[in-house]
Amino acid sequence: MSYSSSISIQLNRRKRNPAEFDLDRVAAAGRGFSGAEIDAAVQTALYAAYTSKQPLTTQALLDALKATVPLSTTRAEEIQGLREWAKTRAVAAFGGRRENRGGIMSATDHPDPFRIDSP
């Protein structure tokens, strides 16, 4: 899912028309943010707009994102460590090649995926 789509979903959930916003600018500012962090930024922008008795604007969304540091930044080392750990200890959910999964076979690697015994 793209950042623009995620922002559109959050705006729609709050009865706002995404076409009224510069989603490309907001999406660019939201790179590296999780869906929950984008949700929180939209909520923050709505609260700020409400308390100042102004409509929600692209700038309000940009300001809310700018005031937030995403976990992908604050915990970058931990995330990279988990990725390194997973390379040799977990099965890829994307169904990548067996070589990329440390030799672990999935059902899709088996010539007959309905057989439960090993090849």
C-alpha atoms as a PDB file:
ATOM      1  CA  MET A   1       0.000   0.000   0.000  1.00  0.00           C
ATOM      2  CA  SER A   2       1.365   3.417  -0.894  1.00  0.00           C
ATOM      3  CA  TYR A   3       1.664   6.303   1.520  1.00  0.00           C
ATOM      4  CA  SER A   4      -0.898   8.268  -0.518  1.00  0.00           C
ATOM      5  CA  SER A   5      -3.368   5.403  -0.173  1.00  0.00           C
ATOM      6  CA  SER A   6      -2.806   5.171   3.559  1.00  0.00           C
ATOM      7  CA  ILE A   7      -3.368   8.909   3.986  1.00  0.00           C
ATOM      8  CA  SER A   8      -6.492   8.761   1.803  1.00  0.00           C
ATOM      9  CA  ILE A   9      -7.887   5.960   3.950  1.00  0.00           C
ATOM     10  CA  GLN A  10      -7.256   7.937   7.147  1.00  0.00           C
ATOM     11  CA  LEU A  11      -8.885  11.061   5.700  1.00  0.00           C
ATOM     12  CA  ASN A  12     -11.901   9.080   4.450  1.00  0.00           C
ATOM     13  CA  ARG A  13     -12.295   7.492   7.896  1.00  0.00           C
ATOM     14  CA  ARG A  14     -12.657  11.003   9.280  1.00  0.00           C
ATOM     15  CA  LYS A  15     -15.148  12.133   6.638  1.00  0.00           C
ATOM     16  CA  ARG A  16     -12.604  14.290   4.783  1.00  0.00           C
ATOM     17  CA  ASN A  17     -12.283  14.339   1.004  1.00  0.00           C
ATOM     18  CA  PRO A  18      -8.726  13.309   0.046  1.00  0.00           C
ATOM     19  CA  ALA A  19      -9.042  15.250  -3.242  1.00  0.00           C
ATOM     20  CA  GLU A  20      -8.936  18.470  -1.209  1.00  0.00           C
ATOM     21  CA  PHE A  21      -5.349  17.743  -0.093  1.00  0.00           C
ATOM     22  CA  ASP A  22      -1.987  17.556  -1.828  1.00  0.00           C
ATOM     23  CA  LEU A  23      -1.514  13.865  -1.114  1.00  0.00           C
ATOM     24  CA  ASP A  24       1.802  13.682  -2.966  1.00  0.00           C
ATOM     25  CA  ARG A  25       3.359  16.269  -0.640  1.00  0.00           C
ATOM     26  CA  VAL A  26       1.861  14.646   2.447  1.00  0.00           C
ATOM     27  CA  ALA A  27       2.983  11.186   1.290  1.00  0.00           C
ATOM     28  CA  ALA A  28       6.527  12.449   0.677  1.00  0.00           C
ATOM     29  CA  ALA A  29       6.603  13.891   4.199  1.00  0.00           C
ATOM     30  CA  GLY A  30       5.269  10.597   5.585  1.00  0.00           C
ATOM     31  CA  ARG A  31       7.946   8.327   4.110  1.00  0.00           C
ATOM     32  CA  GLY A  32       9.161   5.927   6.758  1.00  0.00           C
ATOM     33  CA  PHE A  33       6.009   6.285   8.857  1.00  0.00           C
ATOM     34  CA  SER A  34       3.910   3.260   9.781  1.00  0.00           C
ATOM     35  CA  GLY A  35       0.179   3.206   9.163  1.00  0.00           C
ATOM     36  CA  ALA A  36      -0.438   3.839  12.871  1.00  0.00           C
ATOM     37  CA  GLU A  37       1.911   6.830  12.811  1.00  0.00           C
ATOM     38  CA  ILE A  38       0.118   8.279   9.787  1.00  0.00           C
ATOM     39  CA  ASP A  39      -3.188   7.714  11.592  1.00  0.00           C
ATOM     40  CA  ALA A  40      -1.858   9.558  14.647  1.00  0.00           C
ATOM     41  CA  ALA A  41      -0.566  12.445  12.512  1.00  0.00           C
ATOM     42  CA  VAL A  42      -3.967  12.858  10.849  1.00  0.00           C
ATOM     43  CA  GLN A  43      -5.607  12.884  14.290  1.00  0.00           C
ATOM     44  CA  THR A  44      -3.079  15.449  15.538  1.00  0.00           C
ATOM     45  CA  ALA A  45      -3.733  17.670  12.514  1.00  0.00           C
ATOM     46  CA  LEU A  46      -7.490  17.401  13.053  1.00  0.00           C
ATOM     47  CA  TYR A  47      -7.179  18.370  16.722  1.00  0.00           C
ATOM     48  CA  ALA A  48      -4.950  21.327  15.824  1.00  0.00           C
ATOM     49  CA  ALA A  49      -7.389  22.481  13.142  1.00  0.00           C
ATOM     50  CA  TYR A  50     -10.348  22.092  15.489  1.00  0.00           C
ATOM     51  CA  THR A  51      -8.754  23.999  18.373  1.00  0.00           C
ATOM     52  CA  SER A  52      -7.728  26.848  16.065  1.00  0.00           C
ATOM     53  CA  LYS A  53     -11.205  26.816  14.472  1.00  0.00           C
ATOM     54  CA  GLN A  54      -9.664  26.310  11.023  1.00  0.00           C
ATOM     55  CA  PRO A  55     -10.372  23.692   8.382  1.00  0.00           C
ATOM     56  CA  LEU A  56      -7.980  20.777   8.014  1.00  0.00           C
ATOM     57  CA  THR A  57      -5.380  21.657   5.388  1.00  0.00           C
ATOM     58  CA  THR A  58      -2.433  20.048   3.666  1.00  0.00           C
ATOM     59  CA  GLN A  59      -0.170  22.303   5.724  1.00  0.00           C
ATOM     60  CA  ALA A  60      -1.752  21.082   8.973  1.00  0.00           C
ATOM     61  CA  LEU A  61      -1.028  17.493   7.916  1.00  0.00           C
ATOM     62  CA  LEU A  62       2.548  18.406   6.987  1.00  0.00           C
ATOM     63  CA  ASP A  63       3.048  20.153  10.331  1.00  0.00           C
ATOM     64  CA  ALA A  64       1.753  17.120  12.235  1.00  0.00           C
ATOM     65  CA  LEU A  65       4.090  14.794  10.329  1.00  0.00           C
ATOM     66  CA  LYS A  66       7.028  17.150  10.854  1.00  0.00           C
ATOM     67  CA  ALA A  67       6.392  17.126  14.615  1.00  0.00           C
ATOM     68  CA  THR A  68       6.530  13.325  14.697  1.00  0.00           C
ATOM     69  CA  VAL A  69       9.640  11.169  14.566  1.00  0.00           C
ATOM     70  CA  PRO A  70       8.753   7.746  13.135  1.00  0.00           C
ATOM     71  CA  LEU A  71       9.885   4.520  14.774  1.00  0.00           C
ATOM     72  CA  SER A  72      11.794   3.704  11.589  1.00  0.00           C
ATOM     73  CA  THR A  73      14.101   6.555  12.627  1.00  0.00           C
ATOM     74  CA  THR A  74      14.134   6.335  16.418  1.00  0.00           C
ATOM     75  CA  ARG A  75      14.557   2.561  16.452  1.00  0.00           C
ATOM     76  CA  ALA A  76      16.454   2.060  13.206  1.00  0.00           C
ATOM     77  CA  GLU A  77      19.187  -0.028  14.857  1.00  0.00           C
ATOM     78  CA  GLU A  78      16.672  -2.389  16.461  1.00  0.00           C
ATOM     79  CA  ILE A  79      14.757  -2.779  13.209  1.00  0.00           C
ATOM     80  CA  GLN A  80      17.957  -3.539  11.293  1.00  0.00           C
ATOM     81  CA  GLY A  81      18.947  -6.035  13.989  1.00  0.00           C
ATOM     82  CA  LEU A  82      15.609  -7.812  13.649  1.00  0.00           C
ATOM     83  CA  ARG A  83      15.996  -7.929   9.876  1.00  0.00           C
ATOM     84  CA  GLU A  84      19.455  -9.481  10.238  1.00  0.00           C
ATOM     85  CA  TRP A  85      18.138 -11.994  12.779  1.00  0.00           C
ATOM     86  CA  ALA A  86      15.220 -12.919  10.504  1.00  0.00           C
ATOM     87  CA  LYS A  87      17.467 -13.589   7.492  1.00  0.00           C
ATOM     88  CA  THR A  88      18.650 -16.847   9.035  1.00  0.00           C
ATOM     89  CA  ARG A  89      15.926 -17.681  11.536  1.00  0.00           C
ATOM     90  CA  ALA A  90      12.575 -16.981   9.898  1.00  0.00           C
ATOM     91  CA  VAL A  91      10.675 -17.945   6.769  1.00  0.00           C
ATOM     92  CA  ALA A  92       9.999 -15.061   4.401  1.00  0.00           C
ATOM     93  CA  ALA A  93       6.304 -14.233   4.165  1.00  0.00           C
ATOM     94  CA  PHE A  94       6.670 -12.964   0.599  1.00  0.00           C
ATOM     95  CA  GLY A  95       7.369 -16.447  -0.762  1.00  0.00           C
ATOM     96  CA  GLY A  96      10.882 -15.684  -1.921  1.00  0.00           C
ATOM     97  CA  ARG A  97      13.267 -18.301  -3.248  1.00  0.00           C
ATOM     98  CA  ARG A  98      14.293 -21.118  -0.939  1.00  0.00           C
ATOM     99  CA  GLU A  99      17.919 -20.006  -1.092  1.00  0.00           C
ATOM    100  CA  ASN A 100      16.860 -16.675   0.403  1.00  0.00           C
ATOM    101  CA  ARG A 101      15.183 -18.484   3.301  1.00  0.00           C
ATOM    102  CA  GLY A 102      18.264 -20.261   4.559  1.00  0.00           C
ATOM    103  CA  GLY A 103      17.333 -23.529   2.807  1.00  0.00           C
ATOM    104  CA  ILE A 104      13.978 -23.837   4.566  1.00  0.00           C
ATOM    105  CA  MET A 105      11.388 -25.415   2.295  1.00  0.00           C
ATOM    106  CA  SER A 106       7.857 -24.113   2.110  1.00  0.00           C
ATOM    107  CA  ALA A 107       4.779 -25.866   0.716  1.00  0.00           C
ATOM    108  CA  THR A 108       5.206 -24.025  -2.576  1.00  0.00           C
ATOM    109  CA  ASP A 109       8.721 -25.497  -3.013  1.00  0.00           C
ATOM    110  CA  HIS A 110       7.438 -29.067  -2.855  1.00  0.00           C
ATOM    111  CA  PRO A 111       6.584 -30.715  -6.199  1.00  0.00           C
ATOM    112  CA  ASP A 112       3.258 -31.834  -4.681  1.00  0.00           C
ATOM    113  CA  PRO A 113       2.272 -29.246  -2.051  1.00  0.00           C
ATOM    114  CA  PHE A 114      -0.569 -31.477  -0.791  1.00  0.00           C
ATOM    115  CA  ARG A 115       1.856 -34.198   0.372  1.00  0.00           C
ATOM    116  CA  ILE A 116       2.925 -33.847   3.957  1.00  0.00           C
ATOM    117  CA  ASP A 117       6.036 -35.994   3.801  1.00  0.00           C
ATOM    118  CA  SER A 118       9.375 -34.578   2.722  1.00  0.00           C
ATOM    119  CA  PRO A 119      10.603 -35.058  -0.871  1.00  0.00           C
END
